[in-house]
Amino acid sequence: MDNPGGEIILVEVDRELMTIVPEYLVMRRWECAEIKRLLASGDMAGIQTLAHRMKGSGGSFGFDEISAIGEVLEWAAEIPDTGSIGSAVDRLERYLACVSVTYV
């Protein structure tokens, strides 16, 4: 998923998750900064841990793109490929800036 124009990305989420989704998204924003910090310090294991959780949780909340980005981050940290990690974090930041949740 690439969204260079910054258009709103609509995601439908189960109404039962209404109380926890906002905090979930806040934590993903925090993780962007944390991954950048870990990248600067060369902590690939830390990135892998965060990425693995992200990969596993995104789809559960209805955010398949977050899971996809988590998978890229996990793979890139394993190699390690710092350029791909940076690109994936940028992709996550763009996604989070444009995502809009509708509860169904």
PDB file of N, CA and C in Angstrom:
ATOM      1  N   MET A   1       0.844  -1.170   0.000  1.00  0.00           N
ATOM      2  CA  MET A   1       0.000   0.000   0.000  1.00  0.00           C
ATOM      3  C   MET A   1       0.880   1.219   0.000  1.00  0.00           C
ATOM      4  N   ASP A   2       0.734   2.038  -1.009  1.00  0.00           N
ATOM      5  CA  ASP A   2       1.459   3.296  -1.046  1.00  0.00           C
ATOM      6  C   ASP A   2       0.424   4.389  -1.233  1.00  0.00           C
ATOM      7  N   ASN A   3       0.603   5.466  -0.555  1.00  0.00           N
ATOM      8  CA  ASN A   3      -0.372   6.543  -0.571  1.00  0.00           C
ATOM      9  C   ASN A   3       0.358   7.880  -0.683  1.00  0.00           C
ATOM     10  N   PRO A   4       1.054   8.095  -1.811  1.00  0.00           N
ATOM     11  CA  PRO A   4       1.884   9.293  -1.923  1.00  0.00           C
ATOM     12  C   PRO A   4       1.084  10.591  -1.881  1.00  0.00           C
ATOM     13  N   GLY A   5      -0.178  10.556  -2.294  1.00  0.00           N
ATOM     14  CA  GLY A   5      -0.999  11.770  -2.293  1.00  0.00           C
ATOM     15  C   GLY A   5      -1.579  12.110  -0.944  1.00  0.00           C
ATOM     16  N   GLY A   6      -1.438  11.202   0.021  1.00  0.00           N
ATOM     17  CA  GLY A   6      -1.941  11.466   1.360  1.00  0.00           C
ATOM     18  C   GLY A   6      -3.452  11.413   1.468  1.00  0.00           C
ATOM     19  N   GLU A   7      -4.108  10.672   0.560  1.00  0.00           N
ATOM     20  CA  GLU A   7      -5.549  10.558   0.630  1.00  0.00           C
ATOM     21  C   GLU A   7      -5.948   9.792   1.883  1.00  0.00           C
ATOM     22  N   ILE A   8      -7.154  10.064   2.363  1.00  0.00           N
ATOM     23  CA  ILE A   8      -7.677   9.361   3.525  1.00  0.00           C
ATOM     24  C   ILE A   8      -7.826   7.877   3.187  1.00  0.00           C
ATOM     25  N   ILE A   9      -7.385   7.043   4.091  1.00  0.00           N
ATOM     26  CA  ILE A   9      -7.507   5.597   3.954  1.00  0.00           C
ATOM     27  C   ILE A   9      -8.578   5.152   4.936  1.00  0.00           C
ATOM     28  N   LEU A  10      -9.702   4.684   4.428  1.00  0.00           N
ATOM     29  CA  LEU A  10     -10.799   4.261   5.283  1.00  0.00           C
ATOM     30  C   LEU A  10     -10.654   2.791   5.655  1.00  0.00           C
ATOM     31  N   VAL A  11     -10.745   2.508   6.944  1.00  0.00           N
ATOM     32  CA  VAL A  11     -10.668   1.143   7.436  1.00  0.00           C
ATOM     33  C   VAL A  11     -11.889   0.891   8.311  1.00  0.00           C
ATOM     34  N   GLU A  12     -12.609  -0.189   8.004  1.00  0.00           N
ATOM     35  CA  GLU A  12     -13.750  -0.577   8.819  1.00  0.00           C
ATOM     36  C   GLU A  12     -13.276  -1.520   9.910  1.00  0.00           C
ATOM     37  N   VAL A  13     -13.657  -1.199  11.143  1.00  0.00           N
ATOM     38  CA  VAL A  13     -13.237  -1.963  12.307  1.00  0.00           C
ATOM     39  C   VAL A  13     -14.483  -2.345  13.095  1.00  0.00           C
ATOM     40  N   ASP A  14     -14.461  -3.538  13.641  1.00  0.00           N
ATOM     41  CA  ASP A  14     -15.571  -4.013  14.455  1.00  0.00           C
ATOM     42  C   ASP A  14     -15.841  -3.044  15.609  1.00  0.00           C
ATOM     43  N   ARG A  15     -17.095  -2.707  15.785  1.00  0.00           N
ATOM     44  CA  ARG A  15     -17.528  -1.759  16.826  1.00  0.00           C
ATOM     45  C   ARG A  15     -17.060  -2.191  18.224  1.00  0.00           C
ATOM     46  N   GLU A  16     -16.915  -3.484  18.437  1.00  0.00           N
ATOM     47  CA  GLU A  16     -16.482  -3.978  19.741  1.00  0.00           C
ATOM     48  C   GLU A  16     -15.064  -3.535  20.093  1.00  0.00           C
ATOM     49  N   LEU A  17     -14.304  -3.111  19.103  1.00  0.00           N
ATOM     50  CA  LEU A  17     -12.921  -2.671  19.338  1.00  0.00           C
ATOM     51  C   LEU A  17     -12.805  -1.155  19.505  1.00  0.00           C
ATOM     52  N   MET A  18     -13.939  -0.477  19.535  1.00  0.00           N
ATOM     53  CA  MET A  18     -13.954   0.991  19.560  1.00  0.00           C
ATOM     54  C   MET A  18     -13.154   1.579  20.726  1.00  0.00           C
ATOM     55  N   THR A  19     -13.163   0.933  21.854  1.00  0.00           N
ATOM     56  CA  THR A  19     -12.478   1.504  23.023  1.00  0.00           C
ATOM     57  C   THR A  19     -10.970   1.285  23.004  1.00  0.00           C
ATOM     58  N   ILE A  20     -10.499   0.323  22.192  1.00  0.00           N
ATOM     59  CA  ILE A  20      -9.062   0.039  22.222  1.00  0.00           C
ATOM     60  C   ILE A  20      -8.306   0.434  20.954  1.00  0.00           C
ATOM     61  N   VAL A  21      -9.016   0.649  19.857  1.00  0.00           N
ATOM     62  CA  VAL A  21      -8.338   0.993  18.601  1.00  0.00           C
ATOM     63  C   VAL A  21      -7.589   2.324  18.675  1.00  0.00           C
ATOM     64  N   PRO A  22      -8.166   3.370  19.267  1.00  0.00           N
ATOM     65  CA  PRO A  22      -7.385   4.625  19.321  1.00  0.00           C
ATOM     66  C   PRO A  22      -6.030   4.456  20.009  1.00  0.00           C
ATOM     67  N   GLU A  23      -5.997   3.734  21.114  1.00  0.00           N
ATOM     68  CA  GLU A  23      -4.730   3.507  21.814  1.00  0.00           C
ATOM     69  C   GLU A  23      -3.804   2.620  20.982  1.00  0.00           C
ATOM     70  N   TYR A  24      -4.375   1.656  20.270  1.00  0.00           N
ATOM     71  CA  TYR A  24      -3.584   0.802  19.393  1.00  0.00           C
ATOM     72  C   TYR A  24      -2.841   1.650  18.366  1.00  0.00           C
ATOM     73  N   LEU A  25      -3.543   2.597  17.768  1.00  0.00           N
ATOM     74  CA  LEU A  25      -2.918   3.459  16.753  1.00  0.00           C
ATOM     75  C   LEU A  25      -1.892   4.399  17.377  1.00  0.00           C
ATOM     76  N   VAL A  26      -2.161   4.889  18.577  1.00  0.00           N
ATOM     77  CA  VAL A  26      -1.184   5.731  19.282  1.00  0.00           C
ATOM     78  C   VAL A  26       0.103   4.941  19.516  1.00  0.00           C
ATOM     79  N   MET A  27      -0.033   3.689  19.906  1.00  0.00           N
ATOM     80  CA  MET A  27       1.156   2.864  20.149  1.00  0.00           C
ATOM     81  C   MET A  27       1.939   2.616  18.866  1.00  0.00           C
ATOM     82  N   ARG A  28       1.270   2.478  17.735  1.00  0.00           N
ATOM     83  CA  ARG A  28       2.001   2.294  16.474  1.00  0.00           C
ATOM     84  C   ARG A  28       2.778   3.568  16.143  1.00  0.00           C
ATOM     85  N   ARG A  29       2.219   4.737  16.442  1.00  0.00           N
ATOM     86  CA  ARG A  29       2.958   5.991  16.209  1.00  0.00           C
ATOM     87  C   ARG A  29       4.193   6.044  17.103  1.00  0.00           C
ATOM     88  N   TRP A  30       4.028   5.632  18.354  1.00  0.00           N
ATOM     89  CA  TRP A  30       5.159   5.594  19.273  1.00  0.00           C
ATOM     90  C   TRP A  30       6.221   4.634  18.745  1.00  0.00           C
ATOM     91  N   GLU A  31       5.775   3.487  18.207  1.00  0.00           N
ATOM     92  CA  GLU A  31       6.721   2.508  17.693  1.00  0.00           C
ATOM     93  C   GLU A  31       7.519   3.031  16.511  1.00  0.00           C
ATOM     94  N   CYS A  32       6.960   3.919  15.729  1.00  0.00           N
ATOM     95  CA  CYS A  32       7.728   4.530  14.636  1.00  0.00           C
ATOM     96  C   CYS A  32       8.965   5.221  15.197  1.00  0.00           C
ATOM     97  N   ALA A  33       8.753   6.030  16.222  1.00  0.00           N
ATOM     98  CA  ALA A  33       9.879   6.733  16.847  1.00  0.00           C
ATOM     99  C   ALA A  33      10.835   5.742  17.509  1.00  0.00           C
ATOM    100  N   GLU A  34      10.284   4.726  18.140  1.00  0.00           N
ATOM    101  CA  GLU A  34      11.123   3.732  18.818  1.00  0.00           C
ATOM    102  C   GLU A  34      11.962   2.942  17.820  1.00  0.00           C
ATOM    103  N   ILE A  35      11.386   2.575  16.694  1.00  0.00           N
ATOM    104  CA  ILE A  35      12.150   1.836  15.676  1.00  0.00           C
ATOM    105  C   ILE A  35      13.275   2.712  15.135  1.00  0.00           C
ATOM    106  N   LYS A  36      13.013   3.987  14.940  1.00  0.00           N
ATOM    107  CA  LYS A  36      14.074   4.892  14.488  1.00  0.00           C
ATOM    108  C   LYS A  36      15.199   4.959  15.521  1.00  0.00           C
ATOM    109  N   ARG A  37      14.831   4.994  16.791  1.00  0.00           N
ATOM    110  CA  ARG A  37      15.836   5.030  17.858  1.00  0.00           C
ATOM    111  C   ARG A  37      16.639   3.723  17.862  1.00  0.00           C
ATOM    112  N   LEU A  38      15.932   2.596  17.754  1.00  0.00           N
ATOM    113  CA  LEU A  38      16.607   1.294  17.727  1.00  0.00           C
ATOM    114  C   LEU A  38      17.518   1.165  16.507  1.00  0.00           C
ATOM    115  N   LEU A  39      17.056   1.677  15.378  1.00  0.00           N
ATOM    116  CA  LEU A  39      17.854   1.643  14.156  1.00  0.00           C
ATOM    117  C   LEU A  39      19.141   2.444  14.339  1.00  0.00           C
ATOM    118  N   ALA A  40      19.032   3.627  14.932  1.00  0.00           N
ATOM    119  CA  ALA A  40      20.200   4.474  15.161  1.00  0.00           C
ATOM    120  C   ALA A  40      21.214   3.803  16.087  1.00  0.00           C
ATOM    121  N   SER A  41      20.713   2.983  17.018  1.00  0.00           N
ATOM    122  CA  SER A  41      21.622   2.308  17.946  1.00  0.00           C
ATOM    123  C   SER A  41      22.046   0.923  17.448  1.00  0.00           C
ATOM    124  N   GLY A  42      21.501   0.510  16.302  1.00  0.00           N
ATOM    125  CA  GLY A  42      21.870  -0.783  15.727  1.00  0.00           C
ATOM    126  C   GLY A  42      21.208  -1.981  16.390  1.00  0.00           C
ATOM    127  N   ASP A  43      20.126  -1.749  17.103  1.00  0.00           N
ATOM    128  CA  ASP A  43      19.440  -2.815  17.835  1.00  0.00           C
ATOM    129  C   ASP A  43      18.428  -3.527  16.937  1.00  0.00           C
ATOM    130  N   MET A  44      18.940  -4.433  16.117  1.00  0.00           N
ATOM    131  CA  MET A  44      18.067  -5.161  15.183  1.00  0.00           C
ATOM    132  C   MET A  44      17.130  -6.122  15.907  1.00  0.00           C
ATOM    133  N   ALA A  45      17.585  -6.697  17.019  1.00  0.00           N
ATOM    134  CA  ALA A  45      16.725  -7.605  17.789  1.00  0.00           C
ATOM    135  C   ALA A  45      15.515  -6.860  18.341  1.00  0.00           C
ATOM    136  N   GLY A  46      15.734  -5.648  18.808  1.00  0.00           N
ATOM    137  CA  GLY A  46      14.622  -4.830  19.307  1.00  0.00           C
ATOM    138  C   GLY A  46      13.624  -4.513  18.206  1.00  0.00           C
ATOM    139  N   ILE A  47      14.136  -4.204  17.027  1.00  0.00           N
ATOM    140  CA  ILE A  47      13.260  -3.927  15.879  1.00  0.00           C
ATOM    141  C   ILE A  47      12.477  -5.180  15.515  1.00  0.00           C
ATOM    142  N   GLN A  48      13.145  -6.314  15.500  1.00  0.00           N
ATOM    143  CA  GLN A  48      12.462  -7.574  15.181  1.00  0.00           C
ATOM    144  C   GLN A  48      11.328  -7.854  16.157  1.00  0.00           C
ATOM    145  N   THR A  49      11.555  -7.614  17.431  1.00  0.00           N
ATOM    146  CA  THR A  49      10.526  -7.853  18.441  1.00  0.00           C
ATOM    147  C   THR A  49       9.306  -6.968  18.203  1.00  0.00           C
ATOM    148  N   LEU A  50       9.534  -5.667  18.016  1.00  0.00           N
ATOM    149  CA  LEU A  50       8.410  -4.757  17.754  1.00  0.00           C
ATOM    150  C   LEU A  50       7.704  -5.119  16.454  1.00  0.00           C
ATOM    151  N   ALA A  51       8.482  -5.431  15.434  1.00  0.00           N
ATOM    152  CA  ALA A  51       7.913  -5.745  14.125  1.00  0.00           C
ATOM    153  C   ALA A  51       7.082  -7.024  14.175  1.00  0.00           C
ATOM    154  N   HIS A  52       7.558  -8.015  14.914  1.00  0.00           N
ATOM    155  CA  HIS A  52       6.835  -9.280  15.023  1.00  0.00           C
ATOM    156  C   HIS A  52       5.467  -9.056  15.676  1.00  0.00           C
ATOM    157  N   ARG A  53       5.434  -8.260  16.735  1.00  0.00           N
ATOM    158  CA  ARG A  53       4.160  -7.938  17.396  1.00  0.00           C
ATOM    159  C   ARG A  53       3.232  -7.179  16.459  1.00  0.00           C
ATOM    160  N   MET A  54       3.802  -6.237  15.730  1.00  0.00           N
ATOM    161  CA  MET A  54       3.021  -5.437  14.785  1.00  0.00           C
ATOM    162  C   MET A  54       2.433  -6.334  13.693  1.00  0.00           C
ATOM    163  N   LYS A  55       3.254  -7.226  13.185  1.00  0.00           N
ATOM    164  CA  LYS A  55       2.816  -8.153  12.141  1.00  0.00           C
ATOM    165  C   LYS A  55       1.648  -9.000  12.645  1.00  0.00           C
ATOM    166  N   GLY A  56       1.737  -9.443  13.877  1.00  0.00           N
ATOM    167  CA  GLY A  56       0.702 -10.301  14.433  1.00  0.00           C
ATOM    168  C   GLY A  56      -0.571  -9.587  14.832  1.00  0.00           C
ATOM    169  N   SER A  57      -0.474  -8.333  15.201  1.00  0.00           N
ATOM    170  CA  SER A  57      -1.651  -7.630  15.733  1.00  0.00           C
ATOM    171  C   SER A  57      -2.444  -6.841  14.702  1.00  0.00           C
ATOM    172  N   GLY A  58      -1.811  -6.362  13.675  1.00  0.00           N
ATOM    173  CA  GLY A  58      -2.493  -5.471  12.727  1.00  0.00           C
ATOM    174  C   GLY A  58      -3.781  -6.032  12.171  1.00  0.00           C
ATOM    175  N   GLY A  59      -3.728  -7.235  11.638  1.00  0.00           N
ATOM    176  CA  GLY A  59      -4.913  -7.848  11.052  1.00  0.00           C
ATOM    177  C   GLY A  59      -6.000  -8.114  12.071  1.00  0.00           C
ATOM    178  N   SER A  60      -5.621  -8.390  13.303  1.00  0.00           N
ATOM    179  CA  SER A  60      -6.604  -8.641  14.359  1.00  0.00           C
ATOM    180  C   SER A  60      -7.466  -7.415  14.629  1.00  0.00           C
ATOM    181  N   PHE A  61      -6.892  -6.250  14.407  1.00  0.00           N
ATOM    182  CA  PHE A  61      -7.616  -5.007  14.625  1.00  0.00           C
ATOM    183  C   PHE A  61      -8.236  -4.463  13.342  1.00  0.00           C
ATOM    184  N   GLY A  62      -7.986  -5.116  12.217  1.00  0.00           N
ATOM    185  CA  GLY A  62      -8.526  -4.660  10.939  1.00  0.00           C
ATOM    186  C   GLY A  62      -7.546  -3.841  10.118  1.00  0.00           C
ATOM    187  N   PHE A  63      -6.299  -3.777  10.556  1.00  0.00           N
ATOM    188  CA  PHE A  63      -5.289  -2.980   9.871  1.00  0.00           C
ATOM    189  C   PHE A  63      -4.283  -3.904   9.184  1.00  0.00           C
ATOM    190  N   ASP A  64      -4.699  -4.489   8.077  1.00  0.00           N
ATOM    191  CA  ASP A  64      -3.833  -5.419   7.356  1.00  0.00           C
ATOM    192  C   ASP A  64      -2.541  -4.761   6.890  1.00  0.00           C
ATOM    193  N   GLU A  65      -2.605  -3.483   6.591  1.00  0.00           N
ATOM    194  CA  GLU A  65      -1.399  -2.767   6.144  1.00  0.00           C
ATOM    195  C   GLU A  65      -0.354  -2.713   7.253  1.00  0.00           C
ATOM    196  N   ILE A  66      -0.785  -2.565   8.492  1.00  0.00           N
ATOM    197  CA  ILE A  66       0.163  -2.554   9.610  1.00  0.00           C
ATOM    198  C   ILE A  66       0.846  -3.920   9.715  1.00  0.00           C
ATOM    199  N   SER A  67       0.082  -4.986   9.535  1.00  0.00           N
ATOM    200  CA  SER A  67       0.682  -6.324   9.549  1.00  0.00           C
ATOM    201  C   SER A  67       1.699  -6.485   8.422  1.00  0.00           C
ATOM    202  N   ALA A  68       1.359  -5.992   7.246  1.00  0.00           N
ATOM    203  CA  ALA A  68       2.262  -6.094   6.097  1.00  0.00           C
ATOM    204  C   ALA A  68       3.555  -5.317   6.350  1.00  0.00           C
ATOM    205  N   ILE A  69       3.438  -4.146   6.918  1.00  0.00           N
ATOM    206  CA  ILE A  69       4.628  -3.339   7.225  1.00  0.00           C
ATOM    207  C   ILE A  69       5.452  -4.020   8.319  1.00  0.00           C
ATOM    208  N   GLY A  70       4.781  -4.592   9.311  1.00  0.00           N
ATOM    209  CA  GLY A  70       5.486  -5.332  10.358  1.00  0.00           C
ATOM    210  C   GLY A  70       6.293  -6.487   9.787  1.00  0.00           C
ATOM    211  N   GLU A  71       5.719  -7.155   8.795  1.00  0.00           N
ATOM    212  CA  GLU A  71       6.428  -8.267   8.154  1.00  0.00           C
ATOM    213  C   GLU A  71       7.684  -7.778   7.442  1.00  0.00           C
ATOM    214  N   VAL A  72       7.580  -6.668   6.740  1.00  0.00           N
ATOM    215  CA  VAL A  72       8.751  -6.089   6.058  1.00  0.00           C
ATOM    216  C   VAL A  72       9.810  -5.692   7.081  1.00  0.00           C
ATOM    217  N   LEU A  73       9.385  -5.051   8.155  1.00  0.00           N
ATOM    218  CA  LEU A  73      10.329  -4.631   9.192  1.00  0.00           C
ATOM    219  C   LEU A  73      11.038  -5.827   9.824  1.00  0.00           C
ATOM    220  N   GLU A  74      10.276  -6.867  10.110  1.00  0.00           N
ATOM    221  CA  GLU A  74      10.870  -8.049  10.727  1.00  0.00           C
ATOM    222  C   GLU A  74      11.916  -8.679   9.810  1.00  0.00           C
ATOM    223  N   TRP A  75      11.568  -8.818   8.549  1.00  0.00           N
ATOM    224  CA  TRP A  75      12.488  -9.377   7.557  1.00  0.00           C
ATOM    225  C   TRP A  75      13.737  -8.506   7.420  1.00  0.00           C
ATOM    226  N   ALA A  76      13.528  -7.187   7.321  1.00  0.00           N
ATOM    227  CA  ALA A  76      14.653  -6.272   7.116  1.00  0.00           C
ATOM    228  C   ALA A  76      15.589  -6.252   8.324  1.00  0.00           C
ATOM    229  N   ALA A  77      15.036  -6.387   9.525  1.00  0.00           N
ATOM    230  CA  ALA A  77      15.874  -6.406  10.724  1.00  0.00           C
ATOM    231  C   ALA A  77      16.674  -7.701  10.809  1.00  0.00           C
ATOM    232  N   GLU A  78      16.119  -8.780  10.286  1.00  0.00           N
ATOM    233  CA  GLU A  78      16.810 -10.066  10.322  1.00  0.00           C
ATOM    234  C   GLU A  78      18.037 -10.070   9.422  1.00  0.00           C
ATOM    235  N   ILE A  79      17.966  -9.363   8.280  1.00  0.00           N
ATOM    236  CA  ILE A  79      19.047  -9.444   7.280  1.00  0.00           C
ATOM    237  C   ILE A  79      20.377  -8.848   7.764  1.00  0.00           C
ATOM    238  N   PRO A  80      20.606  -7.741   8.276  1.00  0.00           N
ATOM    239  CA  PRO A  80      19.784  -6.537   8.376  1.00  0.00           C
ATOM    240  C   PRO A  80      19.916  -5.636   7.140  1.00  0.00           C
ATOM    241  N   ASP A  81      18.811  -4.974   6.846  1.00  0.00           N
ATOM    242  CA  ASP A  81      18.750  -4.031   5.720  1.00  0.00           C
ATOM    243  C   ASP A  81      18.211  -2.711   6.266  1.00  0.00           C
ATOM    244  N   THR A  82      19.128  -1.841   6.642  1.00  0.00           N
ATOM    245  CA  THR A  82      18.735  -0.590   7.291  1.00  0.00           C
ATOM    246  C   THR A  82      17.926   0.321   6.371  1.00  0.00           C
ATOM    247  N   GLY A  83      18.211   0.299   5.082  1.00  0.00           N
ATOM    248  CA  GLY A  83      17.448   1.117   4.135  1.00  0.00           C
ATOM    249  C   GLY A  83      15.996   0.685   4.076  1.00  0.00           C
ATOM    250  N   SER A  84      15.761  -0.611   4.065  1.00  0.00           N
ATOM    251  CA  SER A  84      14.386  -1.114   4.039  1.00  0.00           C
ATOM    252  C   SER A  84      13.662  -0.825   5.345  1.00  0.00           C
ATOM    253  N   ILE A  85      14.386  -0.865   6.449  1.00  0.00           N
ATOM    254  CA  ILE A  85      13.770  -0.524   7.736  1.00  0.00           C
ATOM    255  C   ILE A  85      13.315   0.926   7.710  1.00  0.00           C
ATOM    256  N   GLY A  86      14.183   1.822   7.264  1.00  0.00           N
ATOM    257  CA  GLY A  86      13.821   3.237   7.175  1.00  0.00           C
ATOM    258  C   GLY A  86      12.633   3.469   6.260  1.00  0.00           C
ATOM    259  N   SER A  87      12.622   2.799   5.120  1.00  0.00           N
ATOM    260  CA  SER A  87      11.505   2.939   4.177  1.00  0.00           C
ATOM    261  C   SER A  87      10.207   2.419   4.767  1.00  0.00           C
ATOM    262  N   ALA A  88      10.281   1.301   5.485  1.00  0.00           N
ATOM    263  CA  ALA A  88       9.077   0.724   6.086  1.00  0.00           C
ATOM    264  C   ALA A  88       8.521   1.621   7.188  1.00  0.00           C
ATOM    265  N   VAL A  89       9.388   2.223   7.980  1.00  0.00           N
ATOM    266  CA  VAL A  89       8.930   3.144   9.021  1.00  0.00           C
ATOM    267  C   VAL A  89       8.263   4.359   8.373  1.00  0.00           C
ATOM    268  N   ASP A  90       8.855   4.877   7.310  1.00  0.00           N
ATOM    269  CA  ASP A  90       8.234   5.998   6.586  1.00  0.00           C
ATOM    270  C   ASP A  90       6.854   5.600   6.064  1.00  0.00           C
ATOM    271  N   ARG A  91       6.760   4.394   5.530  1.00  0.00           N
ATOM    272  CA  ARG A  91       5.479   3.887   5.018  1.00  0.00           C
ATOM    273  C   ARG A  91       4.446   3.803   6.133  1.00  0.00           C
ATOM    274  N   LEU A  92       4.863   3.329   7.306  1.00  0.00           N
ATOM    275  CA  LEU A  92       3.960   3.230   8.447  1.00  0.00           C
ATOM    276  C   LEU A  92       3.512   4.616   8.899  1.00  0.00           C
ATOM    277  N   GLU A  93       4.432   5.554   8.955  1.00  0.00           N
ATOM    278  CA  GLU A  93       4.071   6.922   9.351  1.00  0.00           C
ATOM    279  C   GLU A  93       3.059   7.526   8.388  1.00  0.00           C
ATOM    280  N   ARG A  94       3.256   7.329   7.089  1.00  0.00           N
ATOM    281  CA  ARG A  94       2.298   7.844   6.088  1.00  0.00           C
ATOM    282  C   ARG A  94       0.936   7.194   6.258  1.00  0.00           C
ATOM    283  N   TYR A  95       0.943   5.882   6.474  1.00  0.00           N
ATOM    284  CA  TYR A  95      -0.313   5.166   6.662  1.00  0.00           C
ATOM    285  C   TYR A  95      -1.054   5.697   7.887  1.00  0.00           C
ATOM    286  N   LEU A  96      -0.367   5.808   9.005  1.00  0.00           N
ATOM    287  CA  LEU A  96      -0.994   6.277  10.241  1.00  0.00           C
ATOM    288  C   LEU A  96      -1.511   7.702  10.115  1.00  0.00           C
ATOM    289  N   ALA A  97      -0.840   8.517   9.322  1.00  0.00           N
ATOM    290  CA  ALA A  97      -1.283   9.901   9.130  1.00  0.00           C
ATOM    291  C   ALA A  97      -2.563   9.979   8.296  1.00  0.00           C
ATOM    292  N   CYS A  98      -2.825   8.956   7.495  1.00  0.00           N
ATOM    293  CA  CYS A  98      -3.955   9.005   6.576  1.00  0.00           C
ATOM    294  C   CYS A  98      -5.113   8.085   6.944  1.00  0.00           C
ATOM    295  N   VAL A  99      -4.894   7.169   7.882  1.00  0.00           N
ATOM    296  CA  VAL A  99      -5.943   6.194   8.182  1.00  0.00           C
ATOM    297  C   VAL A  99      -7.096   6.843   8.952  1.00  0.00           C
ATOM    298  N   SER A 100      -8.297   6.475   8.575  1.00  0.00           N
ATOM    299  CA  SER A 100      -9.509   6.934   9.240  1.00  0.00           C
ATOM    300  C   SER A 100     -10.360   5.701   9.533  1.00  0.00           C
ATOM    301  N   VAL A 101     -10.782   5.563  10.774  1.00  0.00           N
ATOM    302  CA  VAL A 101     -11.495   4.361  11.197  1.00  0.00           C
ATOM    303  C   VAL A 101     -12.999   4.618  11.230  1.00  0.00           C
ATOM    304  N   THR A 102     -13.739   3.665  10.659  1.00  0.00           N
ATOM    305  CA  THR A 102     -15.192   3.641  10.756  1.00  0.00           C
ATOM    306  C   THR A 102     -15.550   2.363  11.487  1.00  0.00           C
ATOM    307  N   TYR A 103     -16.358   2.494  12.532  1.00  0.00           N
ATOM    308  CA  TYR A 103     -16.748   1.328  13.318  1.00  0.00           C
ATOM    309  C   TYR A 103     -18.070   0.771  12.794  1.00  0.00           C
ATOM    310  N   VAL A 104     -18.081  -0.536  12.548  1.00  0.00           N
ATOM    311  CA  VAL A 104     -19.265  -1.194  11.981  1.00  0.00           C
ATOM    312  C   VAL A 104     -19.770  -2.287  12.919  1.00  0.00           C
TER     313      VAL A 104
END
